[in-house]
Protein backbone atom coordinates (compact mmCIF):
# COMPACT_ATOMS: atom_id res chain seq x y z
CA MET A 1 16.52 24.64 191.04
CA LYS A 2 13.90 27.18 190.09
CA SER A 3 15.89 29.85 191.78
CA GLU A 4 18.87 29.06 189.64
CA ARG A 5 16.78 29.35 186.45
CA ARG A 6 15.44 32.66 187.61
CA LEU A 7 18.99 33.96 187.94
CA GLN A 8 19.90 32.74 184.45
CA LEU A 9 16.83 34.31 182.75
CA PRO A 10 17.66 37.93 183.50
CA VAL A 11 21.20 37.41 182.36
CA HIS A 12 19.87 35.78 179.14
CA ARG A 13 17.41 38.72 178.59
CA ILE A 14 20.20 41.33 179.18
CA GLY A 15 22.31 39.56 176.33
CA ARG A 16 19.43 39.73 173.99
CA ALA A 17 18.78 43.39 174.82
CA ARG A 18 22.51 44.22 174.15
CA VAL A 19 22.32 42.53 170.77
CA LEU A 20 19.04 44.33 169.96
CA VAL A 21 20.52 47.64 170.81
CA LEU A 22 23.65 47.00 168.74
CA LEU A 23 21.60 45.97 165.78
CA GLY A 24 19.49 49.11 166.16
CA ILE A 25 22.63 51.31 166.33
CA MET A 26 23.98 49.53 163.21
CA TRP A 27 20.67 50.11 161.38
CA CYS A 28 20.69 53.84 162.20
CA LEU A 29 24.18 54.28 161.02
CA ALA A 30 23.41 52.47 157.69
CA VAL A 31 20.44 54.65 157.18
CA LEU A 32 22.51 57.85 157.97
CA ALA A 33 25.32 56.68 155.64
CA THR A 34 23.04 56.34 152.70
CA ALA A 35 21.11 59.57 153.18
CA PRO A 36 21.89 62.22 150.75
CA ALA A 37 24.23 65.05 152.12
CA ALA A 38 22.68 68.47 152.46
CA VAL A 39 24.55 70.99 150.28
CA ALA A 40 25.42 73.92 152.42
CA VAL A 41 25.30 77.31 150.56
CA PRO A 42 28.25 79.51 151.69
CA PRO A 43 27.26 82.68 153.35
CA VAL A 44 27.44 85.96 151.30
CA GLY A 45 30.06 87.19 153.65
CA SER A 46 32.51 84.53 152.18
CA VAL A 47 32.59 86.65 149.05
CA SER A 48 31.80 90.18 150.14
CA ASP A 49 34.51 90.11 152.81
CA ARG A 50 37.03 89.70 150.01
CA LEU A 51 35.69 92.46 147.70
CA ILE A 52 35.86 96.28 147.93
CA CYS A 53 32.67 98.39 147.55
CA LEU A 54 33.01 100.57 144.40
CA CYS A 55 30.56 103.24 145.48
CA GLY A 56 33.54 105.36 146.49
CA CYS A 57 33.59 104.55 150.17
CA ASN A 58 36.73 102.24 149.78
CA SER A 59 35.32 99.87 152.39
CA VAL A 60 34.99 96.22 152.34
CA LEU A 61 31.76 95.29 150.73
CA SER A 62 30.34 93.47 153.66
CA VAL A 63 30.78 96.66 155.93
CA CYS A 64 29.91 99.44 153.37
CA PRO A 65 28.84 102.44 155.68
CA HIS A 66 26.05 103.49 153.24
CA PRO A 67 22.67 102.22 154.18
CA ASN A 68 21.29 102.72 150.51
CA CYS A 69 24.49 102.00 148.62
CA GLU A 70 23.80 102.01 144.93
CA TRP A 71 26.59 99.56 144.07
CA GLY A 72 26.86 97.55 147.33
CA ILE A 73 23.32 96.35 147.75
CA PRO A 74 22.89 95.09 144.24
CA ALA A 75 26.34 93.57 144.40
CA LYS A 76 25.35 91.69 147.64
CA GLN A 77 22.09 90.45 146.07
CA ASP A 78 23.92 89.21 142.95
CA ILE A 79 26.40 87.37 145.05
CA GLU A 80 23.47 85.71 147.17
CA GLN A 81 21.86 84.63 143.92
CA GLN A 82 24.95 83.14 142.47
CA LEU A 83 25.79 81.26 145.65
CA GLY A 84 22.24 79.96 145.69
CA ALA A 85 22.73 78.78 142.06
CA GLY A 86 25.65 76.76 143.25
CA LYS A 87 28.53 78.99 142.12
CA THR A 88 31.64 78.82 144.30
CA PRO A 89 32.91 81.89 146.07
CA ASP A 90 36.18 81.79 144.15
CA ALA A 91 34.26 81.69 140.72
CA ILE A 92 32.20 84.70 141.80
CA ILE A 93 35.25 86.72 142.78
CA ALA A 94 36.89 85.78 139.49
CA GLN A 95 33.92 87.05 137.78
CA TYR A 96 34.05 90.47 139.63
CA VAL A 97 37.84 90.78 138.91
CA SER A 98 37.17 90.06 135.26
CA LYS A 99 34.43 92.71 135.17
CA TYR A 100 35.86 95.50 137.46
CA GLY A 101 39.62 94.62 137.56
CA GLU A 102 41.91 93.92 140.47
CA GLN A 103 40.77 97.20 142.20
CA VAL A 104 37.71 95.28 143.40
CA LEU A 105 39.80 92.89 145.61
CA ALA A 106 40.10 93.74 149.23
CA ALA A 107 43.67 92.31 149.33
CA PRO A 108 46.03 92.13 146.42
CA THR A 109 46.83 88.83 144.69
CA LYS A 110 49.97 87.05 145.74
CA ARG A 111 51.67 86.87 142.30
CA GLY A 112 53.49 88.97 139.91
CA PHE A 113 54.18 92.55 140.85
CA ASN A 114 51.63 92.41 143.66
CA MET A 115 54.15 90.28 145.56
CA VAL A 116 56.00 93.57 146.35
CA VAL A 117 52.95 94.61 148.47
CA TRP A 118 53.22 91.47 150.57
CA VAL A 119 56.95 91.39 150.85
CA LEU A 120 57.99 95.03 151.10
CA PRO A 121 56.65 95.77 154.63
CA PHE A 122 58.55 92.84 156.04
CA LEU A 123 61.64 93.81 154.09
CA MET A 124 61.51 97.27 155.28
CA LEU A 125 61.30 96.07 158.85
CA VAL A 126 64.34 93.99 158.53
CA ILE A 127 66.32 96.71 156.70
CA GLY A 128 65.19 99.27 159.39
CA GLY A 129 66.19 97.07 162.25
CA ALA A 130 69.58 96.35 160.75
CA ALA A 131 70.13 100.17 160.12
CA ILE A 132 69.15 101.00 163.68
CA TYR A 133 71.47 98.44 165.08
CA TYR A 134 74.35 99.59 162.90
CA LEU A 135 73.90 103.18 163.78
CA ALA A 136 73.52 102.43 167.56
CA ARG A 137 76.73 100.37 167.36
CA THR A 138 78.61 103.09 165.48
CA TRP A 139 77.38 105.81 167.86
CA ALA A 140 78.43 103.68 170.82
CA LYS A 141 81.91 103.22 169.43
CA ARG A 142 82.40 106.98 168.67
CA ARG A 143 81.20 107.84 172.23
CA ALA A 144 83.67 105.34 173.74
CA GLU A 145 86.45 106.62 171.55
CA SER A 146 85.64 110.31 172.35
CA GLU A 147 85.43 109.65 176.10
CA ALA A 148 88.65 107.89 176.03
CA GLU A 149 90.39 110.81 174.24
CA THR A 150 88.79 113.62 176.46
CA ILE A 151 89.70 112.09 179.81
CA VAL A 152 91.88 114.67 181.42
CA VAL A 153 94.06 113.62 184.21
CA PRO A 154 94.81 116.59 186.56
CA ALA A 155 98.42 117.33 186.80
CA SER A 156 100.01 117.49 190.26
CA VAL A 157 101.11 120.79 191.50
CA GLU A 158 104.66 119.70 191.36
CA ASP A 159 104.52 119.44 187.65
CA HIS A 160 103.80 123.24 187.34
CA PRO A 161 106.62 125.66 187.31
CA ASP A 162 106.98 127.79 190.35
CA GLU A 163 105.76 130.87 188.58
CA ILE A 164 102.34 129.34 187.81
CA VAL A 165 101.94 128.03 191.33
CA ARG A 166 102.75 131.51 192.60
CA ARG A 167 100.12 133.15 190.36
CA MET A 168 97.55 130.53 191.55
CA GLU A 169 98.24 131.35 195.17
CA ASP A 170 98.04 135.19 194.52
CA GLU A 171 94.69 134.69 192.81
CA LEU A 172 93.36 132.63 195.58
CA LYS A 173 94.43 135.25 198.20
CA LYS A 174 92.72 137.96 196.16
CA PHE A 175 89.60 135.79 196.12
CA ASP A 176 89.40 135.34 199.89
């Protein structure tokens, strides 16, 4: 009988261990759920990649080639301070646009007249492709028509008058 109890005790202990592990996991999840979320500050690149450096290099602010850029370095520091203060990247970009105009944007906005910049390249590709197709088709038709008109079927010797045949034979004899 004692052997039966010994077999039941480890099974009973394993059941308690499972319950304790599950309670521990539930407690950890409850603690993590109530922990305050850490506020991540967006990187400076999230703003500087969308702005043009106004020092005259016409490069994106994040990759300005000048090591001591008089406009870019202070702008990056300003962006970093504003991001640290909790300002959103879109708000910072809006501030730079209001201060310097749309020329500071690396890509034009997708509204108003600027839509032409977004749509025109694709429209020109479609128009160019259609024009090439039309011209190639027209040239192929013209070539087929001109080949059909210029096909010369040699006439048989019997169709020529005797005088022309005689002249040809004389010329051939002179040639030999």
